[in-house]
Amino acid sequence: MRGIALFAMAATVKTRRETLEEFLAADPNDSFSRYALALELDKADSRVNAAAELREVLARDPGYVAAYYHLGRILSRLGEPEEARAVYTRGLEAAATAKDQRALSEIQEALDMLD
């Protein structure tokens, strides 16, 4: 009987991706949930979809600095170095505006590695 109960519970447990998708359905402007969904998609090797979500984060919230780094990284892995370079450059500007030294350093390092 216990096994059946555990199976029933497991069937109702949502994945992180499903939960994030529900959050976004409730609030499409939730930058954190969209960013987290993009990272989940990237982990699942759905890089094109991850890039689309990160682009949406930046379209809605251009000050979301971490999204620039991850979008640039994904674009680089997708074989789009020029687009990655453009994203990293915009990310440097956003990080400088936010006075986020750590992000500034990480994005600059990623940009340098493209060259």
PDB file of N, CA and C in Angstrom:
ATOM      1  N   MET A   1       0.818  -1.194   0.000  1.00  0.00           N
ATOM      2  CA  MET A   1       0.000   0.000   0.000  1.00  0.00           C
ATOM      3  C   MET A   1       0.868   1.266   0.000  1.00  0.00           C
ATOM      4  N   ARG A   2       1.967   1.211   0.757  1.00  0.00           N
ATOM      5  CA  ARG A   2       2.834   2.384   0.828  1.00  0.00           C
ATOM      6  C   ARG A   2       3.409   2.729  -0.538  1.00  0.00           C
ATOM      7  N   GLY A   3       3.778   1.719  -1.322  1.00  0.00           N
ATOM      8  CA  GLY A   3       4.323   1.952  -2.650  1.00  0.00           C
ATOM      9  C   GLY A   3       3.337   2.671  -3.551  1.00  0.00           C
ATOM     10  N   ILE A   4       2.070   2.315  -3.445  1.00  0.00           N
ATOM     11  CA  ILE A   4       1.032   2.976  -4.243  1.00  0.00           C
ATOM     12  C   ILE A   4       0.904   4.436  -3.829  1.00  0.00           C
ATOM     13  N   ALA A   5       0.969   4.700  -2.529  1.00  0.00           N
ATOM     14  CA  ALA A   5       0.878   6.081  -2.043  1.00  0.00           C
ATOM     15  C   ALA A   5       2.064   6.901  -2.526  1.00  0.00           C
ATOM     16  N   LEU A   6       3.256   6.316  -2.484  1.00  0.00           N
ATOM     17  CA  LEU A   6       4.441   7.023  -2.960  1.00  0.00           C
ATOM     18  C   LEU A   6       4.353   7.286  -4.456  1.00  0.00           C
ATOM     19  N   PHE A   7       3.850   6.303  -5.210  1.00  0.00           N
ATOM     20  CA  PHE A   7       3.683   6.487  -6.641  1.00  0.00           C
ATOM     21  C   PHE A   7       2.695   7.605  -6.933  1.00  0.00           C
ATOM     22  N   ALA A   8       1.601   7.651  -6.199  1.00  0.00           N
ATOM     23  CA  ALA A   8       0.598   8.699  -6.380  1.00  0.00           C
ATOM     24  C   ALA A   8       1.187  10.066  -6.060  1.00  0.00           C
ATOM     25  N   MET A   9       1.997  10.138  -5.000  1.00  0.00           N
ATOM     26  CA  MET A   9       2.630  11.407  -4.648  1.00  0.00           C
ATOM     27  C   MET A   9       3.621  11.820  -5.732  1.00  0.00           C
ATOM     28  N   ALA A  10       4.383  10.872  -6.232  1.00  0.00           N
ATOM     29  CA  ALA A  10       5.371  11.185  -7.263  1.00  0.00           C
ATOM     30  C   ALA A  10       4.692  11.683  -8.530  1.00  0.00           C
ATOM     31  N   ALA A  11       3.520  11.154  -8.817  1.00  0.00           N
ATOM     32  CA  ALA A  11       2.798  11.564 -10.017  1.00  0.00           C
ATOM     33  C   ALA A  11       2.312  13.011  -9.909  1.00  0.00           C
ATOM     34  N   THR A  12       2.153  13.508  -8.688  1.00  0.00           N
ATOM     35  CA  THR A  12       1.667  14.874  -8.519  1.00  0.00           C
ATOM     36  C   THR A  12       2.787  15.880  -8.289  1.00  0.00           C
ATOM     37  N   VAL A  13       4.005  15.422  -8.110  1.00  0.00           N
ATOM     38  CA  VAL A  13       5.130  16.328  -7.896  1.00  0.00           C
ATOM     39  C   VAL A  13       5.508  16.955  -9.230  1.00  0.00           C
ATOM     40  N   LYS A  14       5.586  18.261  -9.236  1.00  0.00           N
ATOM     41  CA  LYS A  14       5.927  18.979 -10.455  1.00  0.00           C
ATOM     42  C   LYS A  14       7.438  19.119 -10.580  1.00  0.00           C
ATOM     43  N   THR A  15       7.876  19.159 -11.810  1.00  0.00           N
ATOM     44  CA  THR A  15       9.291  19.427 -12.042  1.00  0.00           C
ATOM     45  C   THR A  15       9.541  20.912 -11.817  1.00  0.00           C
ATOM     46  N   ARG A  16      10.788  21.255 -11.645  1.00  0.00           N
ATOM     47  CA  ARG A  16      11.161  22.668 -11.486  1.00  0.00           C
ATOM     48  C   ARG A  16      10.709  23.455 -12.715  1.00  0.00           C
ATOM     49  N   ARG A  17      10.901  22.872 -13.870  1.00  0.00           N
ATOM     50  CA  ARG A  17      10.489  23.540 -15.112  1.00  0.00           C
ATOM     51  C   ARG A  17       8.981  23.795 -15.118  1.00  0.00           C
ATOM     52  N   GLU A  18       8.194  22.817 -14.754  1.00  0.00           N
ATOM     53  CA  GLU A  18       6.735  22.982 -14.724  1.00  0.00           C
ATOM     54  C   GLU A  18       6.326  24.077 -13.745  1.00  0.00           C
ATOM     55  N   THR A  19       6.973  24.090 -12.602  1.00  0.00           N
ATOM     56  CA  THR A  19       6.660  25.112 -11.598  1.00  0.00           C
ATOM     57  C   THR A  19       6.996  26.497 -12.124  1.00  0.00           C
ATOM     58  N   LEU A  20       8.151  26.637 -12.760  1.00  0.00           N
ATOM     59  CA  LEU A  20       8.542  27.933 -13.319  1.00  0.00           C
ATOM     60  C   LEU A  20       7.598  28.362 -14.437  1.00  0.00           C
ATOM     61  N   GLU A  21       7.178  27.424 -15.255  1.00  0.00           N
ATOM     62  CA  GLU A  21       6.222  27.745 -16.315  1.00  0.00           C
ATOM     63  C   GLU A  21       4.899  28.223 -15.733  1.00  0.00           C
ATOM     64  N   GLU A  22       4.474  27.642 -14.623  1.00  0.00           N
ATOM     65  CA  GLU A  22       3.253  28.102 -13.950  1.00  0.00           C
ATOM     66  C   GLU A  22       3.423  29.519 -13.403  1.00  0.00           C
ATOM     67  N   PHE A  23       4.572  29.777 -12.804  1.00  0.00           N
ATOM     68  CA  PHE A  23       4.844  31.126 -12.300  1.00  0.00           C
ATOM     69  C   PHE A  23       4.752  32.141 -13.434  1.00  0.00           C
ATOM     70  N   LEU A  24       5.325  31.795 -14.588  1.00  0.00           N
ATOM     71  CA  LEU A  24       5.316  32.715 -15.730  1.00  0.00           C
ATOM     72  C   LEU A  24       3.927  32.877 -16.322  1.00  0.00           C
ATOM     73  N   ALA A  25       3.140  31.827 -16.275  1.00  0.00           N
ATOM     74  CA  ALA A  25       1.752  31.947 -16.748  1.00  0.00           C
ATOM     75  C   ALA A  25       0.993  32.941 -15.865  1.00  0.00           C
ATOM     76  N   ALA A  26       1.295  32.919 -14.576  1.00  0.00           N
ATOM     77  CA  ALA A  26       0.645  33.833 -13.640  1.00  0.00           C
ATOM     78  C   ALA A  26       1.189  35.253 -13.762  1.00  0.00           C
ATOM     79  N   ASP A  27       2.488  35.381 -14.059  1.00  0.00           N
ATOM     80  CA  ASP A  27       3.119  36.704 -14.165  1.00  0.00           C
ATOM     81  C   ASP A  27       4.210  36.668 -15.228  1.00  0.00           C
ATOM     82  N   PRO A  28       3.861  36.972 -16.476  1.00  0.00           N
ATOM     83  CA  PRO A  28       4.839  36.929 -17.568  1.00  0.00           C
ATOM     84  C   PRO A  28       6.008  37.904 -17.396  1.00  0.00           C
ATOM     85  N   ASN A  29       5.867  38.887 -16.527  1.00  0.00           N
ATOM     86  CA  ASN A  29       6.939  39.863 -16.299  1.00  0.00           C
ATOM     87  C   ASN A  29       7.883  39.466 -15.175  1.00  0.00           C
ATOM     88  N   ASP A  30       7.755  38.256 -14.658  1.00  0.00           N
ATOM     89  CA  ASP A  30       8.610  37.776 -13.575  1.00  0.00           C
ATOM     90  C   ASP A  30       9.980  37.392 -14.138  1.00  0.00           C
ATOM     91  N   SER A  31      10.903  38.338 -14.076  1.00  0.00           N
ATOM     92  CA  SER A  31      12.233  38.136 -14.669  1.00  0.00           C
ATOM     93  C   SER A  31      12.970  36.960 -14.047  1.00  0.00           C
ATOM     94  N   PHE A  32      12.885  36.831 -12.720  1.00  0.00           N
ATOM     95  CA  PHE A  32      13.616  35.734 -12.081  1.00  0.00           C
ATOM     96  C   PHE A  32      13.115  34.378 -12.554  1.00  0.00           C
ATOM     97  N   SER A  33      11.804  34.191 -12.601  1.00  0.00           N
ATOM     98  CA  SER A  33      11.261  32.894 -13.035  1.00  0.00           C
ATOM     99  C   SER A  33      11.620  32.600 -14.484  1.00  0.00           C
ATOM    100  N   ARG A  34      11.577  33.618 -15.339  1.00  0.00           N
ATOM    101  CA  ARG A  34      11.935  33.413 -16.749  1.00  0.00           C
ATOM    102  C   ARG A  34      13.426  33.081 -16.877  1.00  0.00           C
ATOM    103  N   TYR A  35      14.255  33.776 -16.111  1.00  0.00           N
ATOM    104  CA  TYR A  35      15.699  33.515 -16.097  1.00  0.00           C
ATOM    105  C   TYR A  35      15.969  32.085 -15.607  1.00  0.00           C
ATOM    106  N   ALA A  36      15.320  31.707 -14.517  1.00  0.00           N
ATOM    107  CA  ALA A  36      15.504  30.352 -13.976  1.00  0.00           C
ATOM    108  C   ALA A  36      15.017  29.295 -14.960  1.00  0.00           C
ATOM    109  N   LEU A  37      13.918  29.562 -15.656  1.00  0.00           N
ATOM    110  CA  LEU A  37      13.424  28.633 -16.677  1.00  0.00           C
ATOM    111  C   LEU A  37      14.463  28.489 -17.790  1.00  0.00           C
ATOM    112  N   ALA A  38      15.062  29.586 -18.194  1.00  0.00           N
ATOM    113  CA  ALA A  38      16.094  29.534 -19.238  1.00  0.00           C
ATOM    114  C   ALA A  38      17.257  28.646 -18.796  1.00  0.00           C
ATOM    115  N   LEU A  39      17.664  28.764 -17.541  1.00  0.00           N
ATOM    116  CA  LEU A  39      18.765  27.925 -17.052  1.00  0.00           C
ATOM    117  C   LEU A  39      18.361  26.455 -17.036  1.00  0.00           C
ATOM    118  N   GLU A  40      17.106  26.174 -16.684  1.00  0.00           N
ATOM    119  CA  GLU A  40      16.615  24.789 -16.718  1.00  0.00           C
ATOM    120  C   GLU A  40      16.615  24.256 -18.154  1.00  0.00           C
ATOM    121  N   LEU A  41      16.181  25.071 -19.093  1.00  0.00           N
ATOM    122  CA  LEU A  41      16.183  24.657 -20.494  1.00  0.00           C
ATOM    123  C   LEU A  41      17.601  24.404 -20.988  1.00  0.00           C
ATOM    124  N   ASP A  42      18.526  25.253 -20.575  1.00  0.00           N
ATOM    125  CA  ASP A  42      19.930  25.068 -20.961  1.00  0.00           C
ATOM    126  C   ASP A  42      20.454  23.745 -20.421  1.00  0.00           C
ATOM    127  N   LYS A  43      20.136  23.446 -19.172  1.00  0.00           N
ATOM    128  CA  LYS A  43      20.576  22.169 -18.579  1.00  0.00           C
ATOM    129  C   LYS A  43      20.016  20.978 -19.342  1.00  0.00           C
ATOM    130  N   ALA A  44      18.821  21.143 -19.903  1.00  0.00           N
ATOM    131  CA  ALA A  44      18.169  20.063 -20.650  1.00  0.00           C
ATOM    132  C   ALA A  44      18.595  20.060 -22.118  1.00  0.00           C
ATOM    133  N   ASP A  45      19.654  20.813 -22.442  1.00  0.00           N
ATOM    134  CA  ASP A  45      20.178  20.921 -23.805  1.00  0.00           C
ATOM    135  C   ASP A  45      19.162  21.487 -24.791  1.00  0.00           C
ATOM    136  N   SER A  46      18.282  22.322 -24.288  1.00  0.00           N
ATOM    137  CA  SER A  46      17.331  23.023 -25.146  1.00  0.00           C
ATOM    138  C   SER A  46      17.805  24.473 -25.266  1.00  0.00           C
ATOM    139  N   ARG A  47      18.985  24.630 -25.857  1.00  0.00           N
ATOM    140  CA  ARG A  47      19.657  25.933 -25.867  1.00  0.00           C
ATOM    141  C   ARG A  47      18.922  26.992 -26.684  1.00  0.00           C
ATOM    142  N   VAL A  48      18.310  26.591 -27.777  1.00  0.00           N
ATOM    143  CA  VAL A  48      17.579  27.568 -28.592  1.00  0.00           C
ATOM    144  C   VAL A  48      16.434  28.153 -27.768  1.00  0.00           C
ATOM    145  N   ASN A  49      15.712  27.295 -27.060  1.00  0.00           N
ATOM    146  CA  ASN A  49      14.609  27.767 -26.216  1.00  0.00           C
ATOM    147  C   ASN A  49      15.138  28.574 -25.029  1.00  0.00           C
ATOM    148  N   ALA A  50      16.265  28.158 -24.474  1.00  0.00           N
ATOM    149  CA  ALA A  50      16.870  28.905 -23.364  1.00  0.00           C
ATOM    150  C   ALA A  50      17.249  30.301 -23.829  1.00  0.00           C
ATOM    151  N   ALA A  51      17.844  30.401 -25.015  1.00  0.00           N
ATOM    152  CA  ALA A  51      18.228  31.706 -25.554  1.00  0.00           C
ATOM    153  C   ALA A  51      16.992  32.583 -25.760  1.00  0.00           C
ATOM    154  N   ALA A  52      15.919  31.993 -26.246  1.00  0.00           N
ATOM    155  CA  ALA A  52      14.680  32.760 -26.456  1.00  0.00           C
ATOM    156  C   ALA A  52      14.149  33.316 -25.137  1.00  0.00           C
ATOM    157  N   GLU A  53      14.190  32.510 -24.083  1.00  0.00           N
ATOM    158  CA  GLU A  53      13.724  32.984 -22.779  1.00  0.00           C
ATOM    159  C   GLU A  53      14.618  34.101 -22.246  1.00  0.00           C
ATOM    160  N   LEU A  54      15.924  33.962 -22.423  1.00  0.00           N
ATOM    161  CA  LEU A  54      16.840  35.011 -21.961  1.00  0.00           C
ATOM    162  C   LEU A  54      16.662  36.295 -22.761  1.00  0.00           C
ATOM    163  N   ARG A  55      16.417  36.167 -24.043  1.00  0.00           N
ATOM    164  CA  ARG A  55      16.133  37.361 -24.853  1.00  0.00           C
ATOM    165  C   ARG A  55      14.882  38.061 -24.334  1.00  0.00           C
ATOM    166  N   GLU A  56      13.895  37.264 -23.960  1.00  0.00           N
ATOM    167  CA  GLU A  56      12.655  37.828 -23.425  1.00  0.00           C
ATOM    168  C   GLU A  56      12.899  38.518 -22.081  1.00  0.00           C
ATOM    169  N   VAL A  57      13.728  37.915 -21.239  1.00  0.00           N
ATOM    170  CA  VAL A  57      14.089  38.570 -19.975  1.00  0.00           C
ATOM    171  C   VAL A  57      14.654  39.948 -20.260  1.00  0.00           C
ATOM    172  N   LEU A  58      15.603  40.016 -21.186  1.00  0.00           N
ATOM    173  CA  LEU A  58      16.277  41.287 -21.470  1.00  0.00           C
ATOM    174  C   LEU A  58      15.366  42.284 -22.176  1.00  0.00           C
ATOM    175  N   ALA A  59      14.431  41.809 -22.976  1.00  0.00           N
ATOM    176  CA  ALA A  59      13.476  42.712 -23.622  1.00  0.00           C
ATOM    177  C   ALA A  59      12.563  43.361 -22.578  1.00  0.00           C
ATOM    178  N   ARG A  60      12.180  42.581 -21.580  1.00  0.00           N
ATOM    179  CA  ARG A  60      11.284  43.080 -20.537  1.00  0.00           C
ATOM    180  C   ARG A  60      12.031  43.802 -19.421  1.00  0.00           C
ATOM    181  N   ASP A  61      13.279  43.391 -19.185  1.00  0.00           N
ATOM    182  CA  ASP A  61      14.030  43.905 -18.039  1.00  0.00           C
ATOM    183  C   ASP A  61      15.509  44.039 -18.421  1.00  0.00           C
ATOM    184  N   PRO A  62      15.871  45.091 -19.171  1.00  0.00           N
ATOM    185  CA  PRO A  62      17.248  45.234 -19.648  1.00  0.00           C
ATOM    186  C   PRO A  62      18.285  45.377 -18.538  1.00  0.00           C
ATOM    187  N   GLY A  63      17.864  45.612 -17.321  1.00  0.00           N
ATOM    188  CA  GLY A  63      18.795  45.723 -16.202  1.00  0.00           C
ATOM    189  C   GLY A  63      19.085  44.401 -15.514  1.00  0.00           C
ATOM    190  N   TYR A  64      18.544  43.304 -16.035  1.00  0.00           N
ATOM    191  CA  TYR A  64      18.767  41.980 -15.432  1.00  0.00           C
ATOM    192  C   TYR A  64      20.124  41.460 -15.908  1.00  0.00           C
ATOM    193  N   VAL A  65      21.154  41.891 -15.221  1.00  0.00           N
ATOM    194  CA  VAL A  65      22.540  41.727 -15.673  1.00  0.00           C
ATOM    195  C   VAL A  65      22.941  40.274 -15.904  1.00  0.00           C
ATOM    196  N   ALA A  66      22.561  39.373 -15.034  1.00  0.00           N
ATOM    197  CA  ALA A  66      22.989  37.981 -15.165  1.00  0.00           C
ATOM    198  C   ALA A  66      22.533  37.352 -16.482  1.00  0.00           C
ATOM    199  N   ALA A  67      21.429  37.821 -17.023  1.00  0.00           N
ATOM    200  CA  ALA A  67      20.910  37.251 -18.266  1.00  0.00           C
ATOM    201  C   ALA A  67      21.863  37.485 -19.437  1.00  0.00           C
ATOM    202  N   TYR A  68      22.594  38.587 -19.426  1.00  0.00           N
ATOM    203  CA  TYR A  68      23.536  38.862 -20.515  1.00  0.00           C
ATOM    204  C   TYR A  68      24.646  37.809 -20.558  1.00  0.00           C
ATOM    205  N   TYR A  69      25.179  37.494 -19.405  1.00  0.00           N
ATOM    206  CA  TYR A  69      26.252  36.501 -19.348  1.00  0.00           C
ATOM    207  C   TYR A  69      25.771  35.153 -19.889  1.00  0.00           C
ATOM    208  N   HIS A  70      24.624  34.708 -19.393  1.00  0.00           N
ATOM    209  CA  HIS A  70      24.147  33.379 -19.792  1.00  0.00           C
ATOM    210  C   HIS A  70      23.699  33.350 -21.248  1.00  0.00           C
ATOM    211  N   LEU A  71      23.072  34.422 -21.723  1.00  0.00           N
ATOM    212  CA  LEU A  71      22.680  34.458 -23.131  1.00  0.00           C
ATOM    213  C   LEU A  71      23.924  34.451 -24.020  1.00  0.00           C
ATOM    214  N   GLY A  72      24.925  35.232 -23.674  1.00  0.00           N
ATOM    215  CA  GLY A  72      26.160  35.230 -24.450  1.00  0.00           C
ATOM    216  C   GLY A  72      26.810  33.859 -24.484  1.00  0.00           C
ATOM    217  N   ARG A  73      26.840  33.194 -23.343  1.00  0.00           N
ATOM    218  CA  ARG A  73      27.441  31.858 -23.262  1.00  0.00           C
ATOM    219  C   ARG A  73      26.688  30.863 -24.139  1.00  0.00           C
ATOM    220  N   ILE A  74      25.364  30.922 -24.084  1.00  0.00           N
ATOM    221  CA  ILE A  74      24.555  30.005 -24.890  1.00  0.00           C
ATOM    222  C   ILE A  74      24.754  30.296 -26.385  1.00  0.00           C
ATOM    223  N   LEU A  75      24.745  31.564 -26.741  1.00  0.00           N
ATOM    224  CA  LEU A  75      24.944  31.925 -28.152  1.00  0.00           C
ATOM    225  C   LEU A  75      26.309  31.461 -28.654  1.00  0.00           C
ATOM    226  N   SER A  76      27.301  31.588 -27.821  1.00  0.00           N
ATOM    227  CA  SER A  76      28.633  31.115 -28.192  1.00  0.00           C
ATOM    228  C   SER A  76      28.612  29.617 -28.459  1.00  0.00           C
ATOM    229  N   ARG A  77      27.945  28.865 -27.591  1.00  0.00           N
ATOM    230  CA  ARG A  77      27.863  27.413 -27.777  1.00  0.00           C
ATOM    231  C   ARG A  77      27.006  27.030 -28.972  1.00  0.00           C
ATOM    232  N   LEU A  78      26.098  27.927 -29.366  1.00  0.00           N
ATOM    233  CA  LEU A  78      25.273  27.666 -30.549  1.00  0.00           C
ATOM    234  C   LEU A  78      25.993  28.059 -31.840  1.00  0.00           C
ATOM    235  N   GLY A  79      27.238  28.532 -31.710  1.00  0.00           N
ATOM    236  CA  GLY A  79      28.008  28.907 -32.888  1.00  0.00           C
ATOM    237  C   GLY A  79      27.662  30.292 -33.416  1.00  0.00           C
ATOM    238  N   GLU A  80      27.257  31.172 -32.524  1.00  0.00           N
ATOM    239  CA  GLU A  80      26.893  32.547 -32.883  1.00  0.00           C
ATOM    240  C   GLU A  80      27.811  33.541 -32.159  1.00  0.00           C
ATOM    241  N   PRO A  81      29.117  33.516 -32.456  1.00  0.00           N
ATOM    242  CA  PRO A  81      30.049  34.357 -31.700  1.00  0.00           C
ATOM    243  C   PRO A  81      29.815  35.862 -31.851  1.00  0.00           C
ATOM    244  N   GLU A  82      29.391  36.306 -33.022  1.00  0.00           N
ATOM    245  CA  GLU A  82      29.162  37.752 -33.201  1.00  0.00           C
ATOM    246  C   GLU A  82      27.977  38.217 -32.374  1.00  0.00           C
ATOM    247  N   GLU A  83      26.921  37.430 -32.360  1.00  0.00           N
ATOM    248  CA  GLU A  83      25.765  37.790 -31.536  1.00  0.00           C
ATOM    249  C   GLU A  83      26.124  37.706 -30.058  1.00  0.00           C
ATOM    250  N   ALA A  84      26.917  36.700 -29.683  1.00  0.00           N
ATOM    251  CA  ALA A  84      27.371  36.583 -28.295  1.00  0.00           C
ATOM    252  C   ALA A  84      28.179  37.812 -27.912  1.00  0.00           C
ATOM    253  N   ARG A  85      29.062  38.250 -28.802  1.00  0.00           N
ATOM    254  CA  ARG A  85      29.887  39.432 -28.542  1.00  0.00           C
ATOM    255  C   ARG A  85      29.003  40.663 -28.308  1.00  0.00           C
ATOM    256  N   ALA A  86      27.971  40.825 -29.126  1.00  0.00           N
ATOM    257  CA  ALA A  86      27.061  41.972 -28.983  1.00  0.00           C
ATOM    258  C   ALA A  86      26.314  41.913 -27.647  1.00  0.00           C
ATOM    259  N   VAL A  87      25.893  40.723 -27.264  1.00  0.00           N
ATOM    260  CA  VAL A  87      25.186  40.556 -25.985  1.00  0.00           C
ATOM    261  C   VAL A  87      26.126  40.857 -24.820  1.00  0.00           C
ATOM    262  N   TYR A  88      27.334  40.326 -24.881  1.00  0.00           N
ATOM    263  CA  TYR A  88      28.308  40.599 -23.815  1.00  0.00           C
ATOM    264  C   TYR A  88      28.602  42.103 -23.711  1.00  0.00           C
ATOM    265  N   THR A  89      28.701  42.766 -24.846  1.00  0.00           N
ATOM    266  CA  THR A  89      28.983  44.206 -24.836  1.00  0.00           C
ATOM    267  C   THR A  89      27.841  44.970 -24.161  1.00  0.00           C
ATOM    268  N   ARG A  90      26.616  44.615 -24.492  1.00  0.00           N
ATOM    269  CA  ARG A  90      25.471  45.248 -23.817  1.00  0.00           C
ATOM    270  C   ARG A  90      25.463  44.892 -22.336  1.00  0.00           C
ATOM    271  N   GLY A  91      25.891  43.677 -22.021  1.00  0.00           N
ATOM    272  CA  GLY A  91      25.961  43.249 -20.622  1.00  0.00           C
ATOM    273  C   GLY A  91      26.977  44.048 -19.829  1.00  0.00           C
ATOM    274  N   LEU A  92      28.095  44.381 -20.467  1.00  0.00           N
ATOM    275  CA  LEU A  92      29.098  45.215 -19.796  1.00  0.00           C
ATOM    276  C   LEU A  92      28.512  46.577 -19.439  1.00  0.00           C
ATOM    277  N   GLU A  93      27.750  47.140 -20.369  1.00  0.00           N
ATOM    278  CA  GLU A  93      27.109  48.431 -20.107  1.00  0.00           C
ATOM    279  C   GLU A  93      26.106  48.320 -18.956  1.00  0.00           C
ATOM    280  N   ALA A  94      25.297  47.259 -18.975  1.00  0.00           N
ATOM    281  CA  ALA A  94      24.293  47.069 -17.921  1.00  0.00           C
ATOM    282  C   ALA A  94      24.964  46.847 -16.562  1.00  0.00           C
ATOM    283  N   ALA A  95      26.039  46.057 -16.543  1.00  0.00           N
ATOM    284  CA  ALA A  95      26.759  45.793 -15.294  1.00  0.00           C
ATOM    285  C   ALA A  95      27.396  47.062 -14.753  1.00  0.00           C
ATOM    286  N   ALA A  96      27.947  47.879 -15.637  1.00  0.00           N
ATOM    287  CA  ALA A  96      28.555  49.141 -15.210  1.00  0.00           C
ATOM    288  C   ALA A  96      27.488  50.072 -14.633  1.00  0.00           C
ATOM    289  N   THR A  97      26.345  50.138 -15.292  1.00  0.00           N
ATOM    290  CA  THR A  97      25.245  50.974 -14.810  1.00  0.00           C
ATOM    291  C   THR A  97      24.779  50.507 -13.438  1.00  0.00           C
ATOM    292  N   ALA A  98      24.718  49.181 -13.260  1.00  0.00           N
ATOM    293  CA  ALA A  98      24.273  48.612 -11.983  1.00  0.00           C
ATOM    294  C   ALA A  98      25.377  48.612 -10.925  1.00  0.00           C
ATOM    295  N   LYS A  99      26.586  49.014 -11.335  1.00  0.00           N
ATOM    296  CA  LYS A  99      27.755  48.979 -10.451  1.00  0.00           C
ATOM    297  C   LYS A  99      27.981  47.569  -9.879  1.00  0.00           C
ATOM    298  N   ASP A 100      27.804  46.581 -10.768  1.00  0.00           N
ATOM    299  CA  ASP A 100      27.971  45.177 -10.400  1.00  0.00           C
ATOM    300  C   ASP A 100      29.350  44.719 -10.878  1.00  0.00           C
ATOM    301  N   GLN A 101      30.343  44.883 -10.022  1.00  0.00           N
ATOM    302  CA  GLN A 101      31.730  44.587 -10.391  1.00  0.00           C
ATOM    303  C   GLN A 101      31.945  43.113 -10.721  1.00  0.00           C
ATOM    304  N   ARG A 102      31.292  42.239  -9.982  1.00  0.00           N
ATOM    305  CA  ARG A 102      31.472  40.806 -10.240  1.00  0.00           C
ATOM    306  C   ARG A 102      30.969  40.443 -11.633  1.00  0.00           C
ATOM    307  N   ALA A 103      29.756  40.906 -11.969  1.00  0.00           N
ATOM    308  CA  ALA A 103      29.211  40.620 -13.292  1.00  0.00           C
ATOM    309  C   ALA A 103      30.061  41.270 -14.370  1.00  0.00           C
ATOM    310  N   LEU A 104      30.520  42.466 -14.114  1.00  0.00           N
ATOM    311  CA  LEU A 104      31.376  43.165 -15.062  1.00  0.00           C
ATOM    312  C   LEU A 104      32.615  42.322 -15.374  1.00  0.00           C
ATOM    313  N   SER A 105      33.231  41.796 -14.340  1.00  0.00           N
ATOM    314  CA  SER A 105      34.427  40.972 -14.498  1.00  0.00           C
ATOM    315  C   SER A 105      34.114  39.673 -15.246  1.00  0.00           C
ATOM    316  N   GLU A 106      33.021  39.006 -14.878  1.00  0.00           N
ATOM    317  CA  GLU A 106      32.669  37.731 -15.511  1.00  0.00           C
ATOM    318  C   GLU A 106      32.321  37.919 -16.986  1.00  0.00           C
ATOM    319  N   ILE A 107      31.575  38.972 -17.280  1.00  0.00           N
ATOM    320  CA  ILE A 107      31.193  39.220 -18.664  1.00  0.00           C
ATOM    321  C   ILE A 107      32.423  39.609 -19.491  1.00  0.00           C
ATOM    322  N   GLN A 108      33.302  40.427 -18.924  1.00  0.00           N
ATOM    323  CA  GLN A 108      34.521  40.807 -19.642  1.00  0.00           C
ATOM    324  C   GLN A 108      35.385  39.586 -19.926  1.00  0.00           C
ATOM    325  N   GLU A 109      35.504  38.703 -18.956  1.00  0.00           N
ATOM    326  CA  GLU A 109      36.286  37.477 -19.155  1.00  0.00           C
ATOM    327  C   GLU A 109      35.687  36.617 -20.278  1.00  0.00           C
ATOM    328  N   ALA A 110      34.372  36.495 -20.286  1.00  0.00           N
ATOM    329  CA  ALA A 110      33.702  35.714 -21.330  1.00  0.00           C
ATOM    330  C   ALA A 110      33.913  36.367 -22.695  1.00  0.00           C
ATOM    331  N   LEU A 111      33.816  37.686 -22.738  1.00  0.00           N
ATOM    332  CA  LEU A 111      34.043  38.411 -23.990  1.00  0.00           C
ATOM    333  C   LEU A 111      35.475  38.223 -24.473  1.00  0.00           C
ATOM    334  N   ASP A 112      36.441  38.300 -23.574  1.00  0.00           N
ATOM    335  CA  ASP A 112      37.843  38.091 -23.940  1.00  0.00           C
ATOM    336  C   ASP A 112      38.084  36.696 -24.503  1.00  0.00           C
ATOM    337  N   MET A 113      37.363  35.721 -23.996  1.00  0.00           N
ATOM    338  CA  MET A 113      37.543  34.345 -24.460  1.00  0.00           C
ATOM    339  C   MET A 113      37.007  34.146 -25.891  1.00  0.00           C
ATOM    340  N   LEU A 114      36.116  35.034 -26.330  1.00  0.00           N
ATOM    341  CA  LEU A 114      35.614  34.949 -27.702  1.00  0.00           C
ATOM    342  C   LEU A 114      36.673  35.374 -28.707  1.00  0.00           C
ATOM    343  N   ASP A 115      37.576  36.239 -28.274  1.00  0.00           N
ATOM    344  CA  ASP A 115      38.598  36.776 -29.177  1.00  0.00           C
ATOM    345  C   ASP A 115      39.770  35.843 -29.367  1.00  0.00           C
TER     346      ASP A 115
END
